[in-house]
Amino acid sequence: MPIPLADRAVVFLAYDPGISPKGGGLPGLSVLKNVVNSINLFGIVAVVGALAVSLGVWAWGHHTGGHQAEANGKKGATVAAGAALGLGAANGIVAFFSNLGSQIQ
């Protein structure tokens, strides 16, 4: 007797593939971590430079009466601060959502 389509979908959705993250499975994991750490550091250094330039543009625009430059400096400082927050919190954000995802049954 054939299984109805609805029952087949339930059986398919209930399948557990048994996959979970495990370190040491592939060679080069330490090199990849090193590269990502270096990219993150490069990003943080670039954000420091962007923040310095943005703050300089903000101050220059304020003191010369250039309202457009002042507004652009404020936007740049806000974006740089947000980028610094994101870069600093990237590992924690990924760990949080990975842990949250592993709790789904």
PDB file of N, CA and C in Angstrom:
ATOM      1  N   MET A   1       0.832  -1.161   0.000  1.00  0.00           N
ATOM      2  CA  MET A   1       0.000   0.000   0.000  1.00  0.00           C
ATOM      3  C   MET A   1       0.891   1.244   0.000  1.00  0.00           C
ATOM      4  N   PRO A   2       0.700   2.181  -0.934  1.00  0.00           N
ATOM      5  CA  PRO A   2       1.555   3.364  -1.007  1.00  0.00           C
ATOM      6  C   PRO A   2       1.310   4.329   0.156  1.00  0.00           C
ATOM      7  N   ILE A   3       2.393   5.021   0.573  1.00  0.00           N
ATOM      8  CA  ILE A   3       2.310   6.010   1.660  1.00  0.00           C
ATOM      9  C   ILE A   3       1.808   7.329   1.078  1.00  0.00           C
ATOM     10  N   PRO A   4       0.775   7.942   1.712  1.00  0.00           N
ATOM     11  CA  PRO A   4       0.282   9.237   1.217  1.00  0.00           C
ATOM     12  C   PRO A   4       1.390  10.287   1.214  1.00  0.00           C
ATOM     13  N   LEU A   5       1.265  11.272   0.325  1.00  0.00           N
ATOM     14  CA  LEU A   5       2.274  12.317   0.163  1.00  0.00           C
ATOM     15  C   LEU A   5       2.511  13.088   1.457  1.00  0.00           C
ATOM     16  N   ALA A   6       1.472  13.415   2.192  1.00  0.00           N
ATOM     17  CA  ALA A   6       1.620  14.174   3.439  1.00  0.00           C
ATOM     18  C   ALA A   6       2.457  13.388   4.444  1.00  0.00           C
ATOM     19  N   ASP A   7       2.256  12.076   4.533  1.00  0.00           N
ATOM     20  CA  ASP A   7       3.036  11.264   5.461  1.00  0.00           C
ATOM     21  C   ASP A   7       4.495  11.166   5.035  1.00  0.00           C
ATOM     22  N   ARG A   8       4.751  11.134   3.728  1.00  0.00           N
ATOM     23  CA  ARG A   8       6.131  11.089   3.237  1.00  0.00           C
ATOM     24  C   ARG A   8       6.870  12.381   3.603  1.00  0.00           C
ATOM     25  N   ALA A   9       6.194  13.537   3.519  1.00  0.00           N
ATOM     26  CA  ALA A   9       6.826  14.812   3.856  1.00  0.00           C
ATOM     27  C   ALA A   9       7.186  14.854   5.330  1.00  0.00           C
ATOM     28  N   VAL A  10       6.334  14.326   6.190  1.00  0.00           N
ATOM     29  CA  VAL A  10       6.613  14.314   7.622  1.00  0.00           C
ATOM     30  C   VAL A  10       7.818  13.435   7.909  1.00  0.00           C
ATOM     31  N   VAL A  11       7.891  12.296   7.254  1.00  0.00           N
ATOM     32  CA  VAL A  11       9.022  11.403   7.447  1.00  0.00           C
ATOM     33  C   VAL A  11      10.302  12.089   6.978  1.00  0.00           C
ATOM     34  N   PHE A  12      10.256  12.787   5.844  1.00  0.00           N
ATOM     35  CA  PHE A  12      11.433  13.458   5.319  1.00  0.00           C
ATOM     36  C   PHE A  12      11.878  14.587   6.235  1.00  0.00           C
ATOM     37  N   LEU A  13      10.943  15.371   6.773  1.00  0.00           N
ATOM     38  CA  LEU A  13      11.295  16.488   7.638  1.00  0.00           C
ATOM     39  C   LEU A  13      11.820  16.021   8.990  1.00  0.00           C
ATOM     40  N   ALA A  14      11.470  14.825   9.399  1.00  0.00           N
ATOM     41  CA  ALA A  14      11.895  14.325  10.695  1.00  0.00           C
ATOM     42  C   ALA A  14      13.289  13.702  10.656  1.00  0.00           C
ATOM     43  N   TYR A  15      13.896  13.599   9.500  1.00  0.00           N
ATOM     44  CA  TYR A  15      15.206  12.965   9.374  1.00  0.00           C
ATOM     45  C   TYR A  15      16.286  13.815  10.027  1.00  0.00           C
ATOM     46  N   ASP A  16      17.107  13.232  10.862  1.00  0.00           N
ATOM     47  CA  ASP A  16      18.225  13.911  11.509  1.00  0.00           C
ATOM     48  C   ASP A  16      19.513  13.482  10.820  1.00  0.00           C
ATOM     49  N   PRO A  17      20.203  14.407  10.112  1.00  0.00           N
ATOM     50  CA  PRO A  17      21.425  14.007   9.417  1.00  0.00           C
ATOM     51  C   PRO A  17      22.605  13.767  10.348  1.00  0.00           C
ATOM     52  N   GLY A  18      22.531  14.219  11.594  1.00  0.00           N
ATOM     53  CA  GLY A  18      23.605  13.969  12.552  1.00  0.00           C
ATOM     54  C   GLY A  18      24.854  14.799  12.322  1.00  0.00           C
ATOM     55  N   ILE A  19      24.709  15.989  11.762  1.00  0.00           N
ATOM     56  CA  ILE A  19      25.853  16.852  11.476  1.00  0.00           C
ATOM     57  C   ILE A  19      26.010  17.870  12.601  1.00  0.00           C
ATOM     58  N   SER A  20      27.233  18.027  13.096  1.00  0.00           N
ATOM     59  CA  SER A  20      27.531  19.062  14.091  1.00  0.00           C
ATOM     60  C   SER A  20      28.967  19.548  13.876  1.00  0.00           C
ATOM     61  N   PRO A  21      29.243  20.818  14.209  1.00  0.00           N
ATOM     62  CA  PRO A  21      30.602  21.346  14.013  1.00  0.00           C
ATOM     63  C   PRO A  21      31.622  20.595  14.880  1.00  0.00           C
ATOM     64  N   LYS A  22      32.754  20.281  14.284  1.00  0.00           N
ATOM     65  CA  LYS A  22      33.802  19.584  15.018  1.00  0.00           C
ATOM     66  C   LYS A  22      35.155  20.087  14.527  1.00  0.00           C
ATOM     67  N   GLY A  23      35.971  20.526  15.435  1.00  0.00           N
ATOM     68  CA  GLY A  23      37.305  20.990  15.075  1.00  0.00           C
ATOM     69  C   GLY A  23      38.237  19.834  14.775  1.00  0.00           C
ATOM     70  N   GLY A  24      39.222  20.085  13.931  1.00  0.00           N
ATOM     71  CA  GLY A  24      40.231  19.087  13.638  1.00  0.00           C
ATOM     72  C   GLY A  24      39.876  18.126  12.526  1.00  0.00           C
ATOM     73  N   GLY A  25      38.729  18.328  11.873  1.00  0.00           N
ATOM     74  CA  GLY A  25      38.330  17.413  10.816  1.00  0.00           C
ATOM     75  C   GLY A  25      39.087  17.634   9.519  1.00  0.00           C
ATOM     76  N   LEU A  26      39.459  18.870   9.244  1.00  0.00           N
ATOM     77  CA  LEU A  26      40.172  19.199   8.017  1.00  0.00           C
ATOM     78  C   LEU A  26      41.504  19.867   8.345  1.00  0.00           C
ATOM     79  N   PRO A  27      42.503  19.633   7.530  1.00  0.00           N
ATOM     80  CA  PRO A  27      43.772  20.325   7.771  1.00  0.00           C
ATOM     81  C   PRO A  27      43.649  21.806   7.427  1.00  0.00           C
ATOM     82  N   GLY A  28      44.401  22.632   8.106  1.00  0.00           N
ATOM     83  CA  GLY A  28      44.430  24.056   7.795  1.00  0.00           C
ATOM     84  C   GLY A  28      43.463  24.893   8.594  1.00  0.00           C
ATOM     85  N   LEU A  29      42.773  24.293   9.581  1.00  0.00           N
ATOM     86  CA  LEU A  29      41.820  25.063  10.373  1.00  0.00           C
ATOM     87  C   LEU A  29      42.535  26.163  11.159  1.00  0.00           C
ATOM     88  N   SER A  30      43.697  25.875  11.697  1.00  0.00           N
ATOM     89  CA  SER A  30      44.431  26.899  12.450  1.00  0.00           C
ATOM     90  C   SER A  30      44.888  28.031  11.531  1.00  0.00           C
ATOM     91  N   VAL A  31      45.247  27.699  10.298  1.00  0.00           N
ATOM     92  CA  VAL A  31      45.644  28.729   9.328  1.00  0.00           C
ATOM     93  C   VAL A  31      44.445  29.601   8.967  1.00  0.00           C
ATOM     94  N   LEU A  32      43.291  28.978   8.770  1.00  0.00           N
ATOM     95  CA  LEU A  32      42.079  29.737   8.453  1.00  0.00           C
ATOM     96  C   LEU A  32      41.698  30.664   9.603  1.00  0.00           C
ATOM     97  N   LYS A  33      41.779  30.169  10.837  1.00  0.00           N
ATOM     98  CA  LYS A  33      41.502  31.023  11.999  1.00  0.00           C
ATOM     99  C   LYS A  33      42.466  32.197  12.047  1.00  0.00           C
ATOM    100  N   ASN A  34      43.721  31.940  11.743  1.00  0.00           N
ATOM    101  CA  ASN A  34      44.728  33.001  11.731  1.00  0.00           C
ATOM    102  C   ASN A  34      44.403  34.053  10.674  1.00  0.00           C
ATOM    103  N   VAL A  35      43.985  33.614   9.496  1.00  0.00           N
ATOM    104  CA  VAL A  35      43.634  34.541   8.418  1.00  0.00           C
ATOM    105  C   VAL A  35      42.426  35.386   8.807  1.00  0.00           C
ATOM    106  N   VAL A  36      41.404  34.759   9.373  1.00  0.00           N
ATOM    107  CA  VAL A  36      40.203  35.502   9.778  1.00  0.00           C
ATOM    108  C   VAL A  36      40.536  36.481  10.896  1.00  0.00           C
ATOM    109  N   ASN A  37      41.355  36.081  11.847  1.00  0.00           N
ATOM    110  CA  ASN A  37      41.787  37.002  12.905  1.00  0.00           C
ATOM    111  C   ASN A  37      42.528  38.196  12.314  1.00  0.00           C
ATOM    112  N   SER A  38      43.362  37.951  11.326  1.00  0.00           N
ATOM    113  CA  SER A  38      44.104  39.035  10.689  1.00  0.00           C
ATOM    114  C   SER A  38      43.175  39.965   9.916  1.00  0.00           C
ATOM    115  N   ILE A  39      42.175  39.408   9.247  1.00  0.00           N
ATOM    116  CA  ILE A  39      41.196  40.238   8.538  1.00  0.00           C
ATOM    117  C   ILE A  39      40.426  41.105   9.525  1.00  0.00           C
ATOM    118  N   ASN A  40      40.043  40.524  10.656  1.00  0.00           N
ATOM    119  CA  ASN A  40      39.326  41.277  11.679  1.00  0.00           C
ATOM    120  C   ASN A  40      40.203  42.409  12.220  1.00  0.00           C
ATOM    121  N   LEU A  41      41.464  42.139  12.473  1.00  0.00           N
ATOM    122  CA  LEU A  41      42.378  43.177  12.949  1.00  0.00           C
ATOM    123  C   LEU A  41      42.543  44.268  11.903  1.00  0.00           C
ATOM    124  N   PHE A  42      42.682  43.884  10.642  1.00  0.00           N
ATOM    125  CA  PHE A  42      42.798  44.862   9.562  1.00  0.00           C
ATOM    126  C   PHE A  42      41.560  45.744   9.518  1.00  0.00           C
ATOM    127  N   GLY A  43      40.393  45.143   9.664  1.00  0.00           N
ATOM    128  CA  GLY A  43      39.149  45.908   9.677  1.00  0.00           C
ATOM    129  C   GLY A  43      39.085  46.883  10.833  1.00  0.00           C
ATOM    130  N   ILE A  44      39.527  46.461  12.009  1.00  0.00           N
ATOM    131  CA  ILE A  44      39.512  47.354  13.170  1.00  0.00           C
ATOM    132  C   ILE A  44      40.480  48.515  12.969  1.00  0.00           C
ATOM    133  N   VAL A  45      41.649  48.253  12.412  1.00  0.00           N
ATOM    134  CA  VAL A  45      42.608  49.331  12.143  1.00  0.00           C
ATOM    135  C   VAL A  45      42.033  50.298  11.109  1.00  0.00           C
ATOM    136  N   ALA A  46      41.364  49.766  10.083  1.00  0.00           N
ATOM    137  CA  ALA A  46      40.748  50.632   9.069  1.00  0.00           C
ATOM    138  C   ALA A  46      39.636  51.480   9.682  1.00  0.00           C
ATOM    139  N   VAL A  47      38.884  50.916  10.617  1.00  0.00           N
ATOM    140  CA  VAL A  47      37.818  51.670  11.279  1.00  0.00           C
ATOM    141  C   VAL A  47      38.399  52.788  12.133  1.00  0.00           C
ATOM    142  N   VAL A  48      39.522  52.545  12.768  1.00  0.00           N
ATOM    143  CA  VAL A  48      40.170  53.610  13.553  1.00  0.00           C
ATOM    144  C   VAL A  48      40.549  54.767  12.634  1.00  0.00           C
ATOM    145  N   GLY A  49      41.098  54.458  11.471  1.00  0.00           N
ATOM    146  CA  GLY A  49      41.431  55.496  10.500  1.00  0.00           C
ATOM    147  C   GLY A  49      40.194  56.223   9.990  1.00  0.00           C
ATOM    148  N   ALA A  50      39.136  55.473   9.694  1.00  0.00           N
ATOM    149  CA  ALA A  50      37.897  56.093   9.217  1.00  0.00           C
ATOM    150  C   ALA A  50      37.285  56.984  10.281  1.00  0.00           C
ATOM    151  N   LEU A  51      37.351  56.553  11.529  1.00  0.00           N
ATOM    152  CA  LEU A  51      36.815  57.367  12.624  1.00  0.00           C
ATOM    153  C   LEU A  51      37.616  58.650  12.786  1.00  0.00           C
ATOM    154  N   ALA A  52      38.926  58.556  12.688  1.00  0.00           N
ATOM    155  CA  ALA A  52      39.765  59.750  12.808  1.00  0.00           C
ATOM    156  C   ALA A  52      39.466  60.741  11.682  1.00  0.00           C
ATOM    157  N   VAL A  53      39.343  60.252  10.462  1.00  0.00           N
ATOM    158  CA  VAL A  53      39.035  61.134   9.333  1.00  0.00           C
ATOM    159  C   VAL A  53      37.650  61.743   9.493  1.00  0.00           C
ATOM    160  N   SER A  54      36.673  60.941   9.887  1.00  0.00           N
ATOM    161  CA  SER A  54      35.311  61.438  10.056  1.00  0.00           C
ATOM    162  C   SER A  54      35.228  62.501  11.142  1.00  0.00           C
ATOM    163  N   LEU A  55      35.922  62.276  12.234  1.00  0.00           N
ATOM    164  CA  LEU A  55      35.922  63.274  13.303  1.00  0.00           C
ATOM    165  C   LEU A  55      36.613  64.557  12.850  1.00  0.00           C
ATOM    166  N   GLY A  56      37.660  64.420  12.050  1.00  0.00           N
ATOM    167  CA  GLY A  56      38.328  65.600  11.496  1.00  0.00           C
ATOM    168  C   GLY A  56      37.412  66.377  10.553  1.00  0.00           C
ATOM    169  N   VAL A  57      36.666  65.671   9.698  1.00  0.00           N
ATOM    170  CA  VAL A  57      35.727  66.325   8.791  1.00  0.00           C
ATOM    171  C   VAL A  57      34.606  66.992   9.580  1.00  0.00           C
ATOM    172  N   TRP A  58      34.151  66.340  10.621  1.00  0.00           N
ATOM    173  CA  TRP A  58      33.095  66.911  11.467  1.00  0.00           C
ATOM    174  C   TRP A  58      33.578  68.212  12.104  1.00  0.00           C
ATOM    175  N   ALA A  59      34.778  68.183  12.673  1.00  0.00           N
ATOM    176  CA  ALA A  59      35.322  69.392  13.309  1.00  0.00           C
ATOM    177  C   ALA A  59      35.580  70.492  12.283  1.00  0.00           C
ATOM    178  N   TRP A  60      36.141  70.137  11.143  1.00  0.00           N
ATOM    179  CA  TRP A  60      36.415  71.129  10.098  1.00  0.00           C
ATOM    180  C   TRP A  60      35.113  71.757   9.596  1.00  0.00           C
ATOM    181  N   GLY A  61      34.102  70.932   9.375  1.00  0.00           N
ATOM    182  CA  GLY A  61      32.817  71.451   8.928  1.00  0.00           C
ATOM    183  C   GLY A  61      32.164  72.345   9.967  1.00  0.00           C
ATOM    184  N   HIS A  62      32.315  72.017  11.224  1.00  0.00           N
ATOM    185  CA  HIS A  62      31.726  72.826  12.296  1.00  0.00           C
ATOM    186  C   HIS A  62      32.404  74.191  12.382  1.00  0.00           C
ATOM    187  N   HIS A  63      33.722  74.199  12.316  1.00  0.00           N
ATOM    188  CA  HIS A  63      34.459  75.456  12.498  1.00  0.00           C
ATOM    189  C   HIS A  63      34.452  76.345  11.265  1.00  0.00           C
ATOM    190  N   THR A  64      34.196  75.780  10.091  1.00  0.00           N
ATOM    191  CA  THR A  64      34.162  76.609   8.880  1.00  0.00           C
ATOM    192  C   THR A  64      32.737  76.939   8.452  1.00  0.00           C
ATOM    193  N   GLY A  65      31.753  76.423   9.157  1.00  0.00           N
ATOM    194  CA  GLY A  65      30.366  76.686   8.792  1.00  0.00           C
ATOM    195  C   GLY A  65      29.869  75.821   7.656  1.00  0.00           C
ATOM    196  N   GLY A  66      30.605  74.796   7.301  1.00  0.00           N
ATOM    197  CA  GLY A  66      30.186  73.882   6.229  1.00  0.00           C
ATOM    198  C   GLY A  66      29.247  72.828   6.787  1.00  0.00           C
ATOM    199  N   HIS A  67      27.970  73.096   6.700  1.00  0.00           N
ATOM    200  CA  HIS A  67      26.991  72.199   7.315  1.00  0.00           C
ATOM    201  C   HIS A  67      26.969  70.823   6.654  1.00  0.00           C
ATOM    202  N   GLN A  68      27.200  70.781   5.354  1.00  0.00           N
ATOM    203  CA  GLN A  68      27.225  69.485   4.665  1.00  0.00           C
ATOM    204  C   GLN A  68      28.415  68.647   5.126  1.00  0.00           C
ATOM    205  N   ALA A  69      29.569  69.273   5.260  1.00  0.00           N
ATOM    206  CA  ALA A  69      30.756  68.559   5.732  1.00  0.00           C
ATOM    207  C   ALA A  69      30.563  68.095   7.173  1.00  0.00           C
ATOM    208  N   GLU A  70      29.950  68.940   7.978  1.00  0.00           N
ATOM    209  CA  GLU A  70      29.690  68.574   9.370  1.00  0.00           C
ATOM    210  C   GLU A  70      28.752  67.361   9.441  1.00  0.00           C
ATOM    211  N   ALA A  71      27.695  67.375   8.631  1.00  0.00           N
ATOM    212  CA  ALA A  71      26.755  66.254   8.615  1.00  0.00           C
ATOM    213  C   ALA A  71      27.430  64.979   8.116  1.00  0.00           C
ATOM    214  N   ASN A  72      28.276  65.103   7.100  1.00  0.00           N
ATOM    215  CA  ASN A  72      28.992  63.928   6.590  1.00  0.00           C
ATOM    216  C   ASN A  72      29.968  63.384   7.632  1.00  0.00           C
ATOM    217  N   GLY A  73      30.607  64.274   8.373  1.00  0.00           N
ATOM    218  CA  GLY A  73      31.503  63.827   9.437  1.00  0.00           C
ATOM    219  C   GLY A  73      30.755  63.085  10.528  1.00  0.00           C
ATOM    220  N   LYS A  74      29.569  63.582  10.881  1.00  0.00           N
ATOM    221  CA  LYS A  74      28.754  62.894  11.884  1.00  0.00           C
ATOM    222  C   LYS A  74      28.331  61.520  11.393  1.00  0.00           C
ATOM    223  N   LYS A  75      27.903  61.448  10.130  1.00  0.00           N
ATOM    224  CA  LYS A  75      27.495  60.144   9.564  1.00  0.00           C
ATOM    225  C   LYS A  75      28.673  59.180   9.542  1.00  0.00           C
ATOM    226  N   GLY A  76      29.833  59.681   9.131  1.00  0.00           N
ATOM    227  CA  GLY A  76      31.011  58.815   9.077  1.00  0.00           C
ATOM    228  C   GLY A  76      31.416  58.314  10.446  1.00  0.00           C
ATOM    229  N   ALA A  77      31.325  59.185  11.453  1.00  0.00           N
ATOM    230  CA  ALA A  77      31.679  58.771  12.813  1.00  0.00           C
ATOM    231  C   ALA A  77      30.698  57.718  13.325  1.00  0.00           C
ATOM    232  N   THR A  78      29.427  57.901  13.015  1.00  0.00           N
ATOM    233  CA  THR A  78      28.419  56.928  13.447  1.00  0.00           C
ATOM    234  C   THR A  78      28.624  55.580  12.762  1.00  0.00           C
ATOM    235  N   VAL A  79      28.894  55.608  11.469  1.00  0.00           N
ATOM    236  CA  VAL A  79      29.127  54.369  10.726  1.00  0.00           C
ATOM    237  C   VAL A  79      30.396  53.676  11.231  1.00  0.00           C
ATOM    238  N   ALA A  80      31.443  54.444  11.485  1.00  0.00           N
ATOM    239  CA  ALA A  80      32.682  53.851  11.985  1.00  0.00           C
ATOM    240  C   ALA A  80      32.476  53.232  13.364  1.00  0.00           C
ATOM    241  N   ALA A  81      31.702  53.908  14.217  1.00  0.00           N
ATOM    242  CA  ALA A  81      31.424  53.345  15.540  1.00  0.00           C
ATOM    243  C   ALA A  81      30.617  52.054  15.412  1.00  0.00           C
ATOM    244  N   GLY A  82      29.642  52.029  14.504  1.00  0.00           N
ATOM    245  CA  GLY A  82      28.866  50.811  14.280  1.00  0.00           C
ATOM    246  C   GLY A  82      29.718  49.688  13.725  1.00  0.00           C
ATOM    247  N   ALA A  83      30.633  50.026  12.830  1.00  0.00           N
ATOM    248  CA  ALA A  83      31.529  49.006  12.268  1.00  0.00           C
ATOM    249  C   ALA A  83      32.450  48.439  13.343  1.00  0.00           C
ATOM    250  N   ALA A  84      32.942  49.309  14.226  1.00  0.00           N
ATOM    251  CA  ALA A  84      33.789  48.838  15.320  1.00  0.00           C
ATOM    252  C   ALA A  84      33.005  47.914  16.246  1.00  0.00           C
ATOM    253  N   LEU A  85      31.751  48.274  16.514  1.00  0.00           N
ATOM    254  CA  LEU A  85      30.900  47.423  17.339  1.00  0.00           C
ATOM    255  C   LEU A  85      30.694  46.065  16.681  1.00  0.00           C
ATOM    256  N   GLY A  86      30.412  46.065  15.392  1.00  0.00           N
ATOM    257  CA  GLY A  86      30.201  44.812  14.676  1.00  0.00           C
ATOM    258  C   GLY A  86      31.445  43.948  14.611  1.00  0.00           C
ATOM    259  N   LEU A  87      32.588  44.565  14.348  1.00  0.00           N
ATOM    260  CA  LEU A  87      33.834  43.793  14.277  1.00  0.00           C
ATOM    261  C   LEU A  87      34.222  43.221  15.635  1.00  0.00           C
ATOM    262  N   GLY A  88      34.025  44.020  16.668  1.00  0.00           N
ATOM    263  CA  GLY A  88      34.367  43.546  18.009  1.00  0.00           C
ATOM    264  C   GLY A  88      33.432  42.448  18.499  1.00  0.00           C
ATOM    265  N   ALA A  89      32.176  42.520  18.087  1.00  0.00           N
ATOM    266  CA  ALA A  89      31.179  41.571  18.573  1.00  0.00           C
ATOM    267  C   ALA A  89      30.956  40.396  17.625  1.00  0.00           C
ATOM    268  N   ALA A  90      31.662  40.350  16.510  1.00  0.00           N
ATOM    269  CA  ALA A  90      31.406  39.327  15.489  1.00  0.00           C
ATOM    270  C   ALA A  90      31.500  37.914  16.053  1.00  0.00           C
ATOM    271  N   ASN A  91      32.530  37.622  16.791  1.00  0.00           N
ATOM    272  CA  ASN A  91      32.711  36.265  17.331  1.00  0.00           C
ATOM    273  C   ASN A  91      31.586  35.921  18.300  1.00  0.00           C
ATOM    274  N   GLY A  92      31.237  36.854  19.164  1.00  0.00           N
ATOM    275  CA  GLY A  92      30.162  36.613  20.120  1.00  0.00           C
ATOM    276  C   GLY A  92      28.808  36.444  19.451  1.00  0.00           C
ATOM    277  N   ILE A  93      28.544  37.241  18.405  1.00  0.00           N
ATOM    278  CA  ILE A  93      27.272  37.137  17.688  1.00  0.00           C
ATOM    279  C   ILE A  93      27.148  35.773  17.010  1.00  0.00           C
ATOM    280  N   VAL A  94      28.209  35.350  16.350  1.00  0.00           N
ATOM    281  CA  VAL A  94      28.184  34.046  15.680  1.00  0.00           C
ATOM    282  C   VAL A  94      28.057  32.923  16.707  1.00  0.00           C
ATOM    283  N   ALA A  95      28.774  33.024  17.820  1.00  0.00           N
ATOM    284  CA  ALA A  95      28.688  31.993  18.853  1.00  0.00           C
ATOM    285  C   ALA A  95      27.281  31.941  19.450  1.00  0.00           C
ATOM    286  N   PHE A  96      26.663  33.112  19.672  1.00  0.00           N
ATOM    287  CA  PHE A  96      25.319  33.165  20.231  1.00  0.00           C
ATOM    288  C   PHE A  96      24.314  32.471  19.312  1.00  0.00           C
ATOM    289  N   PHE A  97      24.326  32.840  18.028  1.00  0.00           N
ATOM    290  CA  PHE A  97      23.353  32.270  17.113  1.00  0.00           C
ATOM    291  C   PHE A  97      23.659  30.807  16.788  1.00  0.00           C
ATOM    292  N   SER A  98      24.922  30.416  16.807  1.00  0.00           N
ATOM    293  CA  SER A  98      25.255  29.008  16.613  1.00  0.00           C
ATOM    294  C   SER A  98      24.740  28.178  17.777  1.00  0.00           C
ATOM    295  N   ASN A  99      24.902  28.698  18.990  1.00  0.00           N
ATOM    296  CA  ASN A  99      24.396  28.007  20.169  1.00  0.00           C
ATOM    297  C   ASN A  99      22.869  27.953  20.128  1.00  0.00           C
ATOM    298  N   LEU A 100      22.243  29.047  19.728  1.00  0.00           N
ATOM    299  CA  LEU A 100      20.798  29.092  19.613  1.00  0.00           C
ATOM    300  C   LEU A 100      20.303  28.091  18.574  1.00  0.00           C
ATOM    301  N   GLY A 101      21.002  28.012  17.459  1.00  0.00           N
ATOM    302  CA  GLY A 101      20.622  27.073  16.403  1.00  0.00           C
ATOM    303  C   GLY A 101      20.809  25.627  16.807  1.00  0.00           C
ATOM    304  N   SER A 102      21.797  25.347  17.646  1.00  0.00           N
ATOM    305  CA  SER A 102      22.031  23.969  18.059  1.00  0.00           C
ATOM    306  C   SER A 102      20.963  23.482  19.043  1.00  0.00           C
ATOM    307  N   GLN A 103      20.185  24.409  19.610  1.00  0.00           N
ATOM    308  CA  GLN A 103      19.136  24.017  20.550  1.00  0.00           C
ATOM    309  C   GLN A 103      17.825  23.660  19.850  1.00  0.00           C
ATOM    310  N   ILE A 104      17.743  23.930  18.554  1.00  0.00           N
ATOM    311  CA  ILE A 104      16.519  23.616  17.819  1.00  0.00           C
ATOM    312  C   ILE A 104      16.427  22.102  17.622  1.00  0.00           C
ATOM    313  N   GLN A 105      15.310  21.544  17.956  1.00  0.00           N
ATOM    314  CA  GLN A 105      15.112  20.096  17.852  1.00  0.00           C
ATOM    315  C   GLN A 105      14.290  19.767  16.635  1.00  0.00           C
TER     316      GLN A 105
END
